[in-house]
């Protein structure tokens, strides 16, 4: 009998439906994840890879970016993003208006507030007295840039910085604001900026993830940070940020369990990879390849991470440059040194979250303490990259999710006043990788409350960061829920070319 006719006669209804459901399930999964179904050729390439070519079998696209990226010649090979969680007060750091001294204690005019949406923490206040900066300001650098006395080290590097005073956000509370600036939307579930960079560009270092995160905290208020802020959202999970801890185990579950040596772990991973390959060929779930890639990355990180976080080879002059806390694990200063070491190893996106900037009360003391903890290390990082020849191709960013209000939250006294959240305008600085030096961009009114010149929305800021990496923000997309998702969101965005060389 003809084999095809024999197969048709023996095929039961249950077998037909069961076999038909496999590709339907794969199609559904691929649709939900926003990724194309693997072609038979791609599956065959995985299956036919030489047995000794383990990287080809295991890693899939891990470590490699999209084929058409970068879209144009990049100015930056890497990004170091110093994120000040809580909203640093732009009024008390960089956006100085001498006339504010005369306005201190006076009521903020309604024409300036202009019906602004404010938080529940000050919406019930009957008075909104103006609070002038409690710190001295002085001009620094060739262009006479005002910097507060609580940032003396940053003041010495202003000729290397572009200070943007007109960043603005629609969000007024921490979680939506920090989610917005990191992912492009205020709602949870989207991919973080570092994940987009990992997805688009990959990493030249196969022994470390493309996106690494470190967290520190100053003397200010505690504020929750959620891992979704460095998560991959709808992108394949291999692109999520990996958090380095300050303890004995920088990455959880990285070390082999007792009784398991490297050879045994290698054999185990080889067998798991074979099983996962079979699963991928059967169901076509792209997360299966991600799982293989993550197992392999963890195996390689077992040797790369300990040498990365061991600072015994750093010179005494390096520790002196970054300040007295640089030898203390978990501090911002030490994290800055590790960030430089990651940059040297080719990691394309490094993010340092520093908590404690939410000064609703006792601002003069707490803000000074916060600045003490980050000022010298942040300036040292710029200097260190310059002396190592890495400044020109490293994009360095400093800033938070919003600024603070010019009016006082709570009773206005010199020792104990605070400032509420303020998204209408705030200040960030950036340096390196094609950013202008000794430059200020944007202007606010006499109350540091509204933007009067050159506004920079979050989407424009993120478009500019991507541009320096050689990425057209309109072309780096991922289809999810029927839409072409972008870091800059659905609204039009532009690159702020005025701050670029």
Protein backbone atom coordinates (compact mmCIF):
# COMPACT_ATOMS: atom_id res chain seq x y z
CA UNK A 1 0.00 0.00 0.00
CA UNK A 2 1.17 3.55 -0.69
CA UNK A 3 2.65 4.95 2.60
CA UNK A 4 0.66 8.16 2.34
CA UNK A 5 -2.66 6.32 1.90
CA UNK A 6 -1.78 3.97 4.75
CA UNK A 7 -1.07 6.96 6.99
CA UNK A 8 -4.42 8.54 6.08
CA UNK A 9 -6.34 5.34 6.85
CA UNK A 10 -4.69 4.83 10.26
CA UNK A 11 -4.87 8.46 11.35
CA UNK A 12 -7.52 8.89 14.02
CA UNK A 13 -9.46 12.07 14.71
CA UNK A 14 -7.73 12.42 18.09
CA UNK A 15 -4.28 12.14 16.48
CA UNK A 16 -5.17 14.70 13.82
CA UNK A 17 -6.39 17.27 16.34
CA UNK A 18 -3.51 16.60 18.72
CA UNK A 19 -0.87 17.11 16.05
CA UNK A 20 -2.66 20.16 14.66
CA UNK A 21 -2.70 21.88 18.05
CA UNK A 22 1.10 21.96 18.32
CA UNK A 23 1.70 24.61 15.64
CA UNK A 24 -1.41 26.50 16.79
CA UNK A 25 0.01 26.71 20.30
CA UNK A 26 3.36 27.86 18.99
CA UNK A 27 1.62 30.51 16.88
CA UNK A 28 -0.32 31.75 19.91
CA UNK A 29 2.79 31.96 22.08
CA UNK A 30 4.73 33.77 19.37
CA UNK A 31 1.86 36.22 18.87
CA UNK A 32 1.66 37.00 22.58
CA UNK A 33 5.41 37.49 22.83
CA UNK A 34 5.49 39.67 19.76
CA UNK A 35 8.16 37.57 18.02
CA UNK A 36 8.03 35.94 14.61
CA UNK A 37 7.61 32.18 14.42
CA UNK A 38 10.88 30.36 13.85
CA UNK A 39 11.21 29.20 10.27
CA UNK A 40 11.92 25.58 9.44
CA UNK A 41 15.32 26.73 8.25
CA UNK A 42 16.11 28.34 11.62
CA UNK A 43 15.01 25.21 13.46
CA UNK A 44 17.14 23.12 11.14
CA UNK A 45 20.17 25.34 11.81
CA UNK A 46 19.80 24.70 15.53
CA UNK A 47 19.32 20.97 15.01
CA UNK A 48 22.16 20.63 12.50
CA UNK A 49 24.76 22.67 14.37
CA UNK A 50 27.95 20.66 14.85
CA UNK A 51 28.07 18.80 18.12
CA UNK A 52 31.31 20.55 19.07
CA UNK A 53 29.94 23.99 18.22
CA UNK A 54 28.33 24.50 21.63
CA UNK A 55 27.91 28.26 21.35
CA UNK A 56 25.95 27.88 18.12
CA UNK A 57 23.67 25.30 19.75
CA UNK A 58 23.17 27.06 23.05
CA UNK A 59 23.22 30.77 22.71
CA UNK A 60 20.98 31.48 19.74
CA UNK A 61 21.08 35.26 19.35
CA UNK A 62 22.55 35.89 22.80
CA UNK A 63 25.28 38.52 22.71
CA UNK A 64 24.39 39.62 19.19
CA UNK A 65 22.14 42.53 18.37
CA UNK A 66 19.79 43.02 15.47
CA UNK A 67 21.27 42.59 12.03
CA UNK A 68 20.59 46.16 10.89
CA UNK A 69 21.95 47.92 13.99
CA UNK A 70 23.53 50.30 14.59
CA UNK A 71 21.57 52.34 12.05
CA UNK A 72 24.45 54.82 11.68
CA UNK A 73 27.90 55.39 13.13
CA UNK A 74 27.55 55.66 16.92
CA UNK A 75 29.32 58.21 19.09
CA UNK A 76 28.89 56.02 22.19
CA UNK A 77 29.99 52.43 22.67
CA UNK A 78 28.47 52.29 26.12
CA UNK A 79 26.23 54.16 28.58
CA UNK A 80 26.72 54.75 32.30
CA UNK A 81 23.45 56.07 33.71
CA UNK A 82 23.61 57.44 37.27
CA UNK A 83 19.96 57.51 38.30
CA UNK A 84 19.12 59.55 41.40
CA UNK A 85 15.91 57.95 42.68
CA UNK A 86 13.49 60.31 44.39
CA UNK A 87 13.88 63.55 42.46
CA UNK A 88 16.91 65.77 43.23
CA UNK A 89 16.03 69.41 43.80
CA UNK A 90 17.10 71.32 40.69
CA UNK A 91 16.56 74.55 42.62
CA UNK A 92 19.23 73.71 45.18
CA UNK A 93 21.80 72.17 42.81
CA UNK A 94 22.02 73.70 39.31
CA UNK A 95 19.04 75.92 38.40
CA UNK A 96 19.98 79.02 40.38
CA UNK A 97 18.06 82.29 40.14
CA UNK A 98 19.61 85.12 42.23
CA UNK A 99 16.24 86.91 42.39
CA UNK A 100 14.83 84.06 44.46
CA UNK A 101 16.58 85.49 47.51
CA UNK A 102 14.21 88.48 47.35
CA UNK A 103 11.16 86.25 46.94
CA UNK A 104 11.89 84.00 49.91
CA UNK A 105 8.83 83.56 52.15
CA UNK A 106 6.42 85.22 49.75
CA UNK A 107 3.39 83.41 48.38
CA UNK A 108 3.85 81.72 45.03
CA UNK A 109 1.59 83.60 42.58
CA UNK A 110 -1.39 81.71 41.16
CA UNK A 111 -0.24 82.80 37.70
CA UNK A 112 2.89 80.69 38.15
CA UNK A 113 1.11 77.61 39.50
CA UNK A 114 -1.54 78.05 36.80
CA UNK A 115 -3.74 75.20 38.00
CA UNK A 116 -0.92 72.66 38.06
CA UNK A 117 -1.82 69.17 39.21
CA UNK A 118 -0.01 68.60 42.51
CA UNK A 119 0.36 65.64 44.84
CA UNK A 120 -1.85 64.84 47.78
CA UNK A 121 0.98 65.78 50.12
CA UNK A 122 0.63 69.50 49.42
CA UNK A 123 -2.80 69.80 47.79
CA UNK A 124 -4.33 70.60 51.18
CA UNK A 125 -1.89 73.38 52.05
CA UNK A 126 -3.41 76.81 52.51
CA UNK A 127 -0.17 78.64 51.75
CA UNK A 128 2.63 78.03 49.23
CA UNK A 129 5.57 80.14 50.40
CA UNK A 130 8.59 80.41 48.12
CA UNK A 131 11.75 78.86 49.52
CA UNK A 132 15.00 80.24 48.13
CA UNK A 133 17.99 77.87 48.03
CA UNK A 134 19.55 77.41 51.46
CA UNK A 135 22.99 76.98 49.92
CA UNK A 136 25.48 79.30 48.30
CA UNK A 137 26.00 79.24 44.54
CA UNK A 138 29.06 80.21 42.55
CA UNK A 139 29.95 80.37 38.86
CA UNK A 140 32.41 77.78 37.57
CA UNK A 141 34.12 76.95 34.31
CA UNK A 142 34.79 78.95 31.19
CA UNK A 143 31.09 79.63 30.65
CA UNK A 144 30.27 80.70 34.21
CA UNK A 145 27.92 77.87 35.15
CA UNK A 146 26.15 78.20 38.48
CA UNK A 147 26.66 75.19 40.79
CA UNK A 148 25.65 74.78 44.43
CA UNK A 149 28.21 74.61 47.20
CA UNK A 150 26.98 71.10 48.04
CA UNK A 151 28.41 69.81 44.72
CA UNK A 152 32.01 71.08 44.86
CA UNK A 153 33.50 68.19 42.83
CA UNK A 154 30.88 68.38 40.10
CA UNK A 155 31.55 72.12 39.94
CA UNK A 156 35.13 71.35 38.90
CA UNK A 157 34.05 69.35 35.82
CA UNK A 158 31.31 71.63 34.42
CA UNK A 159 33.43 72.31 31.35
CA UNK A 160 32.92 68.64 30.42
CA UNK A 161 29.14 68.66 30.91
CA UNK A 162 25.94 69.67 29.19
CA UNK A 163 23.43 70.70 31.86
CA UNK A 164 19.84 70.43 30.64
CA UNK A 165 17.52 72.54 32.79
CA UNK A 166 14.30 71.97 30.86
CA UNK A 167 13.59 68.25 31.20
CA UNK A 168 9.92 67.68 31.97
CA UNK A 169 7.54 64.82 32.72
CA UNK A 170 3.77 64.34 32.96
CA UNK A 171 4.11 62.10 36.04
CA UNK A 172 3.89 63.57 39.53
CA UNK A 173 4.46 60.51 41.74
CA UNK A 174 7.53 58.35 42.05
CA UNK A 175 6.46 55.03 40.62
CA UNK A 176 4.87 56.29 37.40
CA UNK A 177 7.63 58.89 36.98
CA UNK A 178 10.54 56.50 37.42
CA UNK A 179 8.76 53.93 35.26
CA UNK A 180 8.19 56.56 32.58
CA UNK A 181 11.76 57.79 32.32
CA UNK A 182 13.16 54.26 32.33
CA UNK A 183 10.67 52.57 29.99
CA UNK A 184 8.95 55.32 27.98
CA UNK A 185 5.49 54.86 29.53
CA UNK A 186 4.05 55.36 33.01
CA UNK A 187 2.40 51.94 33.22
CA UNK A 188 4.37 48.83 34.24
CA UNK A 189 5.05 46.13 31.67
CA UNK A 190 7.24 47.84 29.10
CA UNK A 191 10.90 47.19 28.40
CA UNK A 192 13.53 49.31 30.14
CA UNK A 193 16.04 51.43 28.26
CA UNK A 194 18.91 49.08 29.03
CA UNK A 195 16.89 46.14 27.75
CA UNK A 196 16.21 47.97 24.50
CA UNK A 197 19.95 48.56 24.10
CA UNK A 198 20.70 44.91 24.84
CA UNK A 199 18.05 43.78 22.36
CA UNK A 200 19.19 46.14 19.62
CA UNK A 201 22.96 46.11 19.98
CA UNK A 202 23.85 42.99 21.94
CA UNK A 203 27.19 42.96 23.74
CA UNK A 204 30.80 42.46 22.68
CA UNK A 205 31.51 40.61 25.93
CA UNK A 206 30.05 37.11 25.90
CA UNK A 207 30.96 36.57 29.55
CA UNK A 208 28.83 39.39 30.96
CA UNK A 209 25.25 40.52 30.33
CA UNK A 210 24.69 43.55 28.13
CA UNK A 211 22.80 45.34 30.93
CA UNK A 212 23.98 45.46 34.55
CA UNK A 213 22.45 47.31 37.50
CA UNK A 214 23.78 48.35 40.91
CA UNK A 215 21.86 49.98 43.76
CA UNK A 216 23.06 52.18 46.63
CA UNK A 217 21.38 54.45 49.16
CA UNK A 218 22.32 57.72 50.77
CA UNK A 219 21.13 59.22 54.06
CA UNK A 220 17.70 60.25 52.75
CA UNK A 221 14.32 58.55 52.93
CA UNK A 222 13.93 54.96 51.85
CA UNK A 223 12.13 54.49 48.56
CA UNK A 224 11.07 51.22 46.98
CA UNK A 225 12.71 50.11 43.74
CA UNK A 226 11.16 47.36 41.66
CA UNK A 227 13.07 44.98 39.42
CA UNK A 228 10.71 45.77 36.56
CA UNK A 229 12.55 49.11 36.26
CA UNK A 230 15.40 47.16 34.67
CA UNK A 231 13.15 44.40 33.33
CA UNK A 232 12.76 43.35 29.72
CA UNK A 233 8.97 43.71 29.59
CA UNK A 234 7.75 42.23 26.32
CA UNK A 235 11.30 41.74 24.97
CA UNK A 236 12.94 38.31 25.34
CA UNK A 237 13.89 37.87 28.99
CA UNK A 238 17.61 37.46 28.24
CA UNK A 239 17.68 41.25 27.79
CA UNK A 240 16.59 42.14 31.32
CA UNK A 241 19.12 43.87 33.56
CA UNK A 242 21.18 41.76 35.94
CA UNK A 243 21.54 43.26 39.40
CA UNK A 244 24.96 43.08 41.06
CA UNK A 245 24.70 42.83 44.84
CA UNK A 246 27.24 44.18 47.31
CA UNK A 247 27.53 41.04 49.43
CA UNK A 248 29.64 37.91 49.13
CA UNK A 249 27.48 36.69 46.22
CA UNK A 250 27.24 39.53 43.68
CA UNK A 251 24.68 37.53 41.68
CA UNK A 252 22.28 35.14 43.42
CA UNK A 253 22.38 31.43 42.56
CA UNK A 254 25.53 31.86 40.49
CA UNK A 255 27.78 29.57 42.52
CA UNK A 256 27.64 25.80 42.14
CA UNK A 257 25.93 23.93 45.01
CA UNK A 258 28.05 21.90 47.39
CA UNK A 259 29.25 18.70 45.74
CA UNK A 260 28.86 20.02 42.18
CA UNK A 261 32.07 20.85 40.35
CA UNK A 262 32.53 22.69 37.05
CA UNK A 263 32.81 19.50 35.01
CA UNK A 264 29.59 18.11 36.42
CA UNK A 265 27.83 21.45 35.87
CA UNK A 266 29.08 21.50 32.28
CA UNK A 267 27.69 18.03 31.59
CA UNK A 268 24.38 18.96 33.19
CA UNK A 269 24.04 22.09 31.05
CA UNK A 270 24.87 20.11 27.91
CA UNK A 271 22.05 17.65 28.63
CA UNK A 272 19.62 20.44 29.50
CA UNK A 273 20.52 22.18 26.25
CA UNK A 274 19.70 19.01 24.31
CA UNK A 275 16.28 18.79 25.98
CA UNK A 276 15.59 22.46 25.34
CA UNK A 277 16.64 22.07 21.69
CA UNK A 278 14.09 19.30 21.34
CA UNK A 279 11.44 21.47 22.96
CA UNK A 280 12.24 24.35 20.61
CA UNK A 281 12.00 22.15 17.53
CA UNK A 282 8.68 20.75 18.72
CA UNK A 283 6.97 23.95 19.88
CA UNK A 284 8.99 26.89 18.49
CA UNK A 285 8.74 28.89 21.73
CA UNK A 286 11.47 31.58 21.51
CA UNK A 287 11.74 31.66 25.31
CA UNK A 288 13.25 28.17 25.08
CA UNK A 289 16.27 29.61 23.30
CA UNK A 290 16.38 32.42 25.84
CA UNK A 291 16.52 29.83 28.61
CA UNK A 292 19.46 28.09 26.94
CA UNK A 293 21.27 31.41 26.53
CA UNK A 294 20.70 32.37 30.17
CA UNK A 295 22.04 29.05 31.48
CA UNK A 296 25.17 29.55 29.41
CA UNK A 297 25.58 33.16 30.49
CA UNK A 298 25.34 32.14 34.15
CA UNK A 299 28.00 29.48 33.59
CA UNK A 300 30.40 32.01 32.05
CA UNK A 301 29.62 34.62 34.72
CA UNK A 302 30.85 32.22 37.40
CA UNK A 303 34.38 33.12 36.37
CA UNK A 304 33.90 36.69 35.10
CA UNK A 305 31.92 38.23 37.99
CA UNK A 306 34.33 37.46 40.87
CA UNK A 307 37.23 39.10 39.01
CA UNK A 308 35.00 42.05 38.15
CA UNK A 309 33.99 42.83 41.74
CA UNK A 310 37.44 42.13 43.24
CA UNK A 311 38.99 45.60 43.47
CA UNK A 312 42.29 44.46 44.96
CA UNK A 313 44.06 45.32 41.71
CA UNK A 314 42.91 48.95 41.85
CA UNK A 315 45.55 51.49 42.84
CA UNK A 316 45.39 53.60 45.97
CA UNK A 317 45.21 56.68 43.79
CA UNK A 318 41.98 55.35 42.25
CA UNK A 319 40.37 54.96 45.67
CA UNK A 320 41.50 58.46 46.58
CA UNK A 321 40.01 59.80 43.36
CA UNK A 322 36.59 58.28 44.08
CA UNK A 323 36.58 59.24 47.74
CA UNK A 324 36.67 57.69 51.21
CA UNK A 325 33.64 55.42 50.68
CA UNK A 326 35.04 53.80 47.55
CA UNK A 327 36.43 50.81 49.46
CA UNK A 328 33.15 50.15 51.26
CA UNK A 329 30.90 47.59 49.50
CA UNK A 330 27.47 48.79 48.48
CA UNK A 331 28.30 52.49 48.33
CA UNK A 332 27.74 54.69 45.32
CA UNK A 333 31.47 55.39 45.18
CA UNK A 334 32.40 51.73 44.97
CA UNK A 335 29.67 51.12 42.41
CA UNK A 336 31.16 53.89 40.27
CA UNK A 337 34.50 52.06 40.20
CA UNK A 338 32.77 48.81 39.25
CA UNK A 339 30.87 50.72 36.55
CA UNK A 340 34.16 51.86 35.06
CA UNK A 341 35.45 48.27 35.17
CA UNK A 342 32.29 47.09 33.41
CA UNK A 343 32.77 49.77 30.77
CA UNK A 344 36.33 48.57 30.23
CA UNK A 345 34.97 45.06 29.66
CA UNK A 346 32.61 46.26 26.95
CA UNK A 347 29.28 46.13 28.80
CA UNK A 348 27.07 48.50 26.77
CA UNK A 349 24.57 49.64 29.44
CA UNK A 350 25.39 50.18 33.11
CA UNK A 351 22.89 51.76 35.47
CA UNK A 352 23.57 52.96 39.02
CA UNK A 353 20.41 53.57 41.05
CA UNK A 354 21.03 55.75 44.13
CA UNK A 355 18.11 56.07 46.51
CA UNK A 356 17.21 58.77 49.04
CA UNK A 357 16.42 61.98 47.12
CA UNK A 358 12.80 62.33 48.23
CA UNK A 359 13.19 65.27 50.62
CA UNK A 360 9.68 66.21 51.74
CA UNK A 361 11.11 67.45 55.02
CA UNK A 362 14.46 68.43 56.53
CA UNK A 363 15.76 69.16 53.04
CA UNK A 364 18.81 71.29 53.94
CA UNK A 365 20.39 68.48 55.96
CA UNK A 366 19.28 65.51 53.87
CA UNK A 367 20.11 67.03 50.50
CA UNK A 368 23.59 67.93 51.66
CA UNK A 369 24.08 64.37 52.86
CA UNK A 370 22.89 62.95 49.54
CA UNK A 371 25.23 65.18 47.59
CA UNK A 372 28.12 64.24 49.87
CA UNK A 373 27.59 60.60 48.94
CA UNK A 374 27.53 61.05 45.15
CA UNK A 375 29.38 64.27 44.28
CA UNK A 376 33.01 63.11 44.40
CA UNK A 377 32.39 59.65 42.86
CA UNK A 378 30.31 61.02 39.97
CA UNK A 379 32.94 63.62 39.13
CA UNK A 380 35.69 61.02 39.58
CA UNK A 381 33.98 58.72 37.09
CA UNK A 382 34.15 61.45 34.43
CA UNK A 383 37.79 62.14 35.25
CA UNK A 384 38.68 58.46 35.33
CA UNK A 385 37.13 57.78 31.93
CA UNK A 386 38.99 60.77 30.50
CA UNK A 387 42.38 59.63 31.77
CA UNK A 388 41.78 56.13 30.41
CA UNK A 389 40.79 57.39 26.96
CA UNK A 390 37.16 56.25 27.29
CA UNK A 391 35.37 59.57 27.71
CA UNK A 392 34.81 60.21 24.02
CA UNK A 393 32.91 56.96 23.45
CA UNK A 394 31.06 56.68 26.78
CA UNK A 395 27.74 58.44 27.33
CA UNK A 396 27.47 59.50 30.98
CA UNK A 397 24.08 60.56 32.36
CA UNK A 398 23.10 61.96 35.78
CA UNK A 399 19.57 62.76 36.94
CA UNK A 400 16.33 61.59 38.53
CA UNK A 401 12.66 61.16 37.66
CA UNK A 402 11.59 64.77 38.41
CA UNK A 403 12.59 67.87 40.39
CA UNK A 404 11.19 69.62 43.47
CA UNK A 405 8.81 72.52 44.05
CA UNK A 406 9.93 76.08 44.74
CA UNK A 407 7.31 76.29 47.46
CA UNK A 408 7.72 74.76 50.89
CA UNK A 409 6.09 71.56 51.94
CA UNK A 410 5.25 71.91 55.60
CA UNK A 411 6.33 74.67 57.92
CA UNK A 412 8.88 77.03 56.45
CA UNK A 413 11.94 77.18 58.68
CA UNK A 414 15.61 77.22 57.81
CA UNK A 415 16.26 73.85 59.43
CA UNK A 416 13.13 71.91 58.64
CA UNK A 417 11.36 72.49 55.37
CA UNK A 418 10.81 70.24 52.40
CA UNK A 419 9.90 70.39 48.75
CA UNK A 420 7.22 68.38 46.97
CA UNK A 421 7.53 66.57 43.62
CA UNK A 422 7.78 68.76 40.54
CA UNK A 423 7.66 67.43 36.99
CA UNK A 424 7.16 70.65 35.03
CA UNK A 425 10.90 71.23 34.90
CA UNK A 426 14.01 69.60 36.31
CA UNK A 427 17.71 69.32 35.61
CA UNK A 428 19.90 66.51 34.31
CA UNK A 429 23.46 66.51 33.10
CA UNK A 430 25.29 64.37 30.57
CA UNK A 431 28.78 64.13 29.18
CA UNK A 432 31.02 62.33 26.68
CA UNK A 433 30.16 60.60 23.40
CA UNK A 434 29.37 63.62 21.25
CA UNK A 435 27.70 65.74 23.96
CA UNK A 436 28.71 69.42 23.99
CA UNK A 437 31.09 70.49 26.72
CA UNK A 438 30.54 73.41 29.05
CA UNK A 439 27.01 73.93 27.77
CA UNK A 440 23.66 74.76 29.33
CA UNK A 441 20.38 74.05 27.56
CA UNK A 442 16.85 75.15 28.38
CA UNK A 443 15.60 77.85 30.68
CA UNK A 444 13.01 78.13 33.44
CA UNK A 445 11.14 81.13 34.83
CA UNK A 446 12.24 83.20 37.81
CA UNK A 447 10.61 80.70 40.16
CA UNK A 448 12.28 77.60 38.59
CA UNK A 449 8.71 76.42 38.10
CA UNK A 450 7.85 76.56 34.38
CA UNK A 451 9.96 76.12 31.27
CA UNK A 452 10.40 79.28 29.22
CA UNK A 453 12.84 78.01 26.61
CA UNK A 454 13.66 74.71 24.85
CA UNK A 455 11.60 72.07 26.68
CA UNK A 456 12.94 68.49 26.66
CA UNK A 457 10.21 65.89 27.23
CA UNK A 458 11.21 62.42 28.41
CA UNK A 459 10.65 60.92 24.96
CA UNK A 460 13.07 63.45 23.39
CA UNK A 461 15.63 62.74 26.08
CA UNK A 462 15.47 58.99 25.41
CA UNK A 463 15.57 59.53 21.64
CA UNK A 464 18.78 61.50 22.11
CA UNK A 465 20.40 58.81 24.25
CA UNK A 466 19.61 56.18 21.62
CA UNK A 467 20.90 58.45 18.87
CA UNK A 468 24.34 58.59 20.49
CA UNK A 469 24.42 54.79 20.35
CA UNK A 470 23.76 54.88 16.62
CA UNK A 471 20.06 53.98 16.98
CA UNK A 472 17.15 55.66 15.22
CA UNK A 473 14.43 55.53 17.88
CA UNK A 474 11.73 55.21 15.22
CA UNK A 475 13.35 52.09 13.77
CA UNK A 476 14.12 50.20 16.98
CA UNK A 477 10.72 48.57 17.44
CA UNK A 478 9.18 45.35 18.71
CA UNK A 479 5.73 44.17 17.72
CA UNK A 480 3.58 43.51 20.76
CA UNK A 481 -0.19 43.62 21.29
CA UNK A 482 -0.64 44.59 17.66
CA UNK A 483 1.59 47.68 17.89
CA UNK A 484 5.18 48.50 17.00
CA UNK A 485 6.45 49.29 20.50
CA UNK A 486 9.25 51.86 20.98
CA UNK A 487 11.23 53.22 23.92
CA UNK A 488 10.01 56.70 22.99
CA UNK A 489 6.36 55.65 23.01
CA UNK A 490 3.59 56.35 20.51
CA UNK A 491 3.95 60.15 20.41
CA UNK A 492 6.44 61.87 18.08
CA UNK A 493 9.90 62.35 19.56
CA UNK A 494 12.95 64.22 18.35
CA UNK A 495 16.67 64.06 18.97
CA UNK A 496 17.83 67.17 20.88
CA UNK A 497 20.59 68.01 18.40
CA UNK A 498 21.27 71.37 20.01
CA UNK A 499 23.23 69.64 22.78
CA UNK A 500 25.30 67.50 20.38
CA UNK A 501 28.64 68.31 18.84
